[in-house]
C-alpha cells in the first residue's frame, strides 16, 4: 500500500497543474495500485476546508465552497 500525505491530497485537487499530472502518472504506473491516506491527513484536509469556508461572510460564497467540498468527497 502507498500512503498519500496531506500535500499529495491537496495536489490532486489541481488537475491542470503539472505537479498533479506528474503525481497521477506516478500513481498510474506504480506496480502497487493500493493507495490510502492517514486519518491525520484527512483531518488536516477538513480543517483546511473549514478554515477556507469560515473566511466567507457572504452565505452565497459559503454555499459555493460547500458545494466544492461535497464534490471533493464524492458525495
N, C-alpha and C. Protein backbone atom coordinates (compact mmCIF):
# COMPACT_ATOMS: atom_id res chain seq x y z
N UNK A 1 0.84 -1.18 0.00
CA UNK A 1 0.00 0.00 0.00
C UNK A 1 0.89 1.24 0.00
N UNK A 2 0.47 2.22 -0.77
CA UNK A 2 1.16 3.51 -0.84
C UNK A 2 0.30 4.53 -0.12
N UNK A 3 0.89 5.21 0.87
CA UNK A 3 0.15 6.22 1.62
C UNK A 3 0.40 7.60 1.02
N UNK A 4 -0.67 8.31 0.79
CA UNK A 4 -0.60 9.68 0.30
C UNK A 4 -0.71 10.62 1.50
N UNK A 5 0.19 11.61 1.56
CA UNK A 5 0.13 12.54 2.68
C UNK A 5 -0.74 13.74 2.31
N UNK A 6 -0.84 14.68 3.22
CA UNK A 6 -1.71 15.85 3.03
C UNK A 6 -1.34 16.62 1.77
N UNK A 7 -0.05 16.79 1.52
CA UNK A 7 0.38 17.53 0.33
C UNK A 7 -0.06 16.81 -0.95
N UNK A 8 0.03 15.49 -0.97
CA UNK A 8 -0.43 14.73 -2.14
C UNK A 8 -1.93 14.95 -2.35
N UNK A 9 -2.70 14.86 -1.27
CA UNK A 9 -4.15 15.03 -1.38
C UNK A 9 -4.50 16.42 -1.90
N UNK A 10 -3.78 17.42 -1.41
CA UNK A 10 -4.02 18.79 -1.87
C UNK A 10 -3.68 18.91 -3.35
N UNK A 11 -2.55 18.37 -3.75
CA UNK A 11 -2.11 18.47 -5.14
C UNK A 11 -3.11 17.82 -6.09
N UNK A 12 -3.74 16.75 -5.66
CA UNK A 12 -4.69 16.06 -6.53
C UNK A 12 -5.94 16.88 -6.82
N UNK A 13 -6.11 18.00 -6.14
CA UNK A 13 -7.24 18.91 -6.40
C UNK A 13 -6.98 19.83 -7.58
N UNK A 14 -5.75 19.88 -8.07
CA UNK A 14 -5.36 20.83 -9.11
C UNK A 14 -4.97 20.07 -10.37
N UNK A 15 -5.95 19.51 -11.04
CA UNK A 15 -5.76 18.61 -12.18
C UNK A 15 -4.90 19.21 -13.27
N UNK A 16 -5.02 20.49 -13.53
CA UNK A 16 -4.26 21.10 -14.62
C UNK A 16 -2.82 21.44 -14.24
N UNK A 17 -2.48 21.33 -12.98
CA UNK A 17 -1.13 21.62 -12.52
C UNK A 17 -0.17 20.52 -12.96
N UNK A 18 0.99 20.87 -13.51
CA UNK A 18 1.95 19.83 -13.94
C UNK A 18 2.38 18.90 -12.81
N UNK A 19 2.47 19.42 -11.59
CA UNK A 19 2.85 18.55 -10.47
C UNK A 19 1.76 17.52 -10.19
N UNK A 20 0.51 17.92 -10.34
CA UNK A 20 -0.60 16.99 -10.19
C UNK A 20 -0.54 15.93 -11.29
N UNK A 21 -0.30 16.36 -12.50
CA UNK A 21 -0.20 15.44 -13.62
C UNK A 21 0.92 14.42 -13.39
N UNK A 22 2.06 14.90 -12.88
CA UNK A 22 3.19 14.00 -12.60
C UNK A 22 2.84 13.00 -11.50
N UNK A 23 2.17 13.47 -10.46
CA UNK A 23 1.75 12.58 -9.38
C UNK A 23 0.77 11.53 -9.89
N UNK A 24 -0.20 11.96 -10.67
CA UNK A 24 -1.17 11.00 -11.21
C UNK A 24 -0.51 9.97 -12.12
N UNK A 25 0.47 10.41 -12.90
CA UNK A 25 1.20 9.47 -13.77
C UNK A 25 1.98 8.47 -12.92
N UNK A 26 2.64 8.96 -11.87
CA UNK A 26 3.37 8.05 -10.98
C UNK A 26 2.44 7.03 -10.35
N UNK A 27 1.25 7.48 -9.97
CA UNK A 27 0.27 6.56 -9.39
C UNK A 27 -0.21 5.55 -10.42
N UNK A 28 -0.42 6.03 -11.64
CA UNK A 28 -0.92 5.15 -12.70
C UNK A 28 0.05 4.02 -13.02
N UNK A 29 1.35 4.33 -13.05
CA UNK A 29 2.34 3.33 -13.45
C UNK A 29 2.92 2.56 -12.26
N UNK A 30 2.50 2.90 -11.06
CA UNK A 30 3.02 2.21 -9.88
C UNK A 30 2.60 0.74 -9.90
N UNK A 31 3.53 -0.16 -9.59
CA UNK A 31 3.16 -1.58 -9.52
C UNK A 31 2.18 -1.85 -8.37
N UNK A 32 2.23 -1.04 -7.34
CA UNK A 32 1.30 -1.16 -6.22
C UNK A 32 0.15 -0.18 -6.46
N UNK A 33 -1.02 -0.69 -6.73
CA UNK A 33 -2.18 0.13 -7.02
C UNK A 33 -3.11 0.31 -5.82
N UNK A 34 -2.61 0.01 -4.65
CA UNK A 34 -3.38 0.20 -3.42
C UNK A 34 -2.92 1.50 -2.78
N UNK A 35 -3.77 2.53 -2.83
CA UNK A 35 -3.44 3.84 -2.28
C UNK A 35 -4.34 4.13 -1.10
N UNK A 36 -3.78 4.80 -0.13
CA UNK A 36 -4.54 5.18 1.05
C UNK A 36 -3.96 6.45 1.64
N UNK A 37 -4.52 6.85 2.77
CA UNK A 37 -4.01 8.01 3.48
C UNK A 37 -4.20 7.76 4.96
N UNK A 38 -3.73 8.67 5.77
CA UNK A 38 -3.89 8.53 7.22
C UNK A 38 -5.05 9.40 7.68
N UNK A 39 -5.59 9.08 8.83
CA UNK A 39 -6.66 9.89 9.38
C UNK A 39 -6.15 11.28 9.70
N UNK A 40 -4.88 11.42 9.99
CA UNK A 40 -4.30 12.75 10.24
C UNK A 40 -4.38 13.61 8.99
N UNK A 41 -4.07 13.03 7.83
CA UNK A 41 -4.17 13.78 6.58
C UNK A 41 -5.62 14.16 6.28
N UNK A 42 -6.55 13.28 6.59
CA UNK A 42 -7.97 13.58 6.40
C UNK A 42 -8.36 14.76 7.30
N UNK A 43 -7.94 14.71 8.55
CA UNK A 43 -8.25 15.80 9.48
C UNK A 43 -7.67 17.12 8.98
N UNK A 44 -6.43 17.09 8.51
CA UNK A 44 -5.80 18.31 8.01
C UNK A 44 -6.55 18.87 6.80
N UNK A 45 -7.01 17.99 5.93
CA UNK A 45 -7.78 18.43 4.77
C UNK A 45 -9.09 19.09 5.22
N UNK A 46 -9.80 18.46 6.15
CA UNK A 46 -11.06 19.02 6.64
C UNK A 46 -10.84 20.35 7.34
N UNK A 47 -9.81 20.43 8.16
CA UNK A 47 -9.52 21.70 8.85
C UNK A 47 -9.25 22.81 7.84
N UNK A 48 -8.51 22.49 6.79
CA UNK A 48 -8.24 23.47 5.75
C UNK A 48 -9.50 23.94 5.07
N UNK A 49 -10.39 23.01 4.75
CA UNK A 49 -11.65 23.37 4.11
C UNK A 49 -12.52 24.23 5.03
N UNK A 50 -12.60 23.85 6.30
CA UNK A 50 -13.44 24.63 7.22
C UNK A 50 -12.86 26.03 7.43
N UNK A 51 -11.55 26.16 7.47
CA UNK A 51 -10.93 27.48 7.58
C UNK A 51 -11.24 28.31 6.34
N UNK A 52 -11.17 27.68 5.19
CA UNK A 52 -11.48 28.35 3.92
C UNK A 52 -12.93 28.83 3.91
N UNK A 53 -13.85 27.96 4.28
CA UNK A 53 -15.27 28.30 4.27
C UNK A 53 -15.58 29.40 5.28
N UNK A 54 -14.96 29.34 6.44
CA UNK A 54 -15.28 30.32 7.50
C UNK A 54 -14.81 31.73 7.16
N UNK A 55 -13.91 31.86 6.20
CA UNK A 55 -13.47 33.20 5.78
C UNK A 55 -14.56 33.96 5.06
N UNK A 56 -15.51 33.25 4.48
CA UNK A 56 -16.57 33.90 3.71
C UNK A 56 -17.70 34.32 4.62
N UNK A 57 -17.99 35.60 4.64
CA UNK A 57 -19.12 36.10 5.43
C UNK A 57 -20.39 36.13 4.59
N UNK A 58 -20.21 36.12 3.27
CA UNK A 58 -21.34 36.08 2.34
C UNK A 58 -21.79 34.63 2.18
N UNK A 59 -23.02 34.35 2.57
CA UNK A 59 -23.54 32.98 2.54
C UNK A 59 -23.44 32.37 1.15
N UNK A 60 -23.65 33.17 0.11
CA UNK A 60 -23.57 32.63 -1.26
C UNK A 60 -22.18 32.07 -1.56
N UNK A 61 -21.16 32.74 -1.07
CA UNK A 61 -19.80 32.22 -1.29
C UNK A 61 -19.56 30.98 -0.45
N UNK A 62 -20.16 30.92 0.73
CA UNK A 62 -20.04 29.71 1.55
C UNK A 62 -20.70 28.53 0.85
N UNK A 63 -21.85 28.76 0.25
CA UNK A 63 -22.57 27.68 -0.45
C UNK A 63 -21.68 27.12 -1.55
N UNK A 64 -21.04 27.99 -2.33
CA UNK A 64 -20.14 27.53 -3.40
C UNK A 64 -19.00 26.70 -2.81
N UNK A 65 -18.42 27.17 -1.72
CA UNK A 65 -17.32 26.44 -1.09
C UNK A 65 -17.80 25.08 -0.57
N UNK A 66 -18.99 25.04 0.02
CA UNK A 66 -19.54 23.77 0.49
C UNK A 66 -19.82 22.82 -0.68
N UNK A 67 -20.30 23.36 -1.79
CA UNK A 67 -20.52 22.53 -2.97
C UNK A 67 -19.21 21.94 -3.46
N UNK A 68 -18.14 22.74 -3.46
CA UNK A 68 -16.82 22.24 -3.84
C UNK A 68 -16.36 21.13 -2.91
N UNK A 69 -16.61 21.31 -1.62
CA UNK A 69 -16.23 20.30 -0.64
C UNK A 69 -17.01 19.00 -0.87
N UNK A 70 -18.31 19.10 -1.12
CA UNK A 70 -19.12 17.92 -1.39
C UNK A 70 -18.60 17.20 -2.63
N UNK A 71 -18.26 17.96 -3.67
CA UNK A 71 -17.72 17.36 -4.90
C UNK A 71 -16.42 16.63 -4.60
N UNK A 72 -15.59 17.22 -3.78
CA UNK A 72 -14.30 16.62 -3.42
C UNK A 72 -14.50 15.27 -2.71
N UNK A 73 -15.51 15.20 -1.86
CA UNK A 73 -15.72 13.97 -1.10
C UNK A 73 -16.42 12.89 -1.91
N UNK A 74 -16.89 13.26 -3.11
CA UNK A 74 -17.54 12.28 -3.96
C UNK A 74 -18.98 12.00 -3.55
N UNK A 75 -19.53 12.86 -2.73
CA UNK A 75 -20.92 12.67 -2.27
C UNK A 75 -21.91 13.18 -3.27
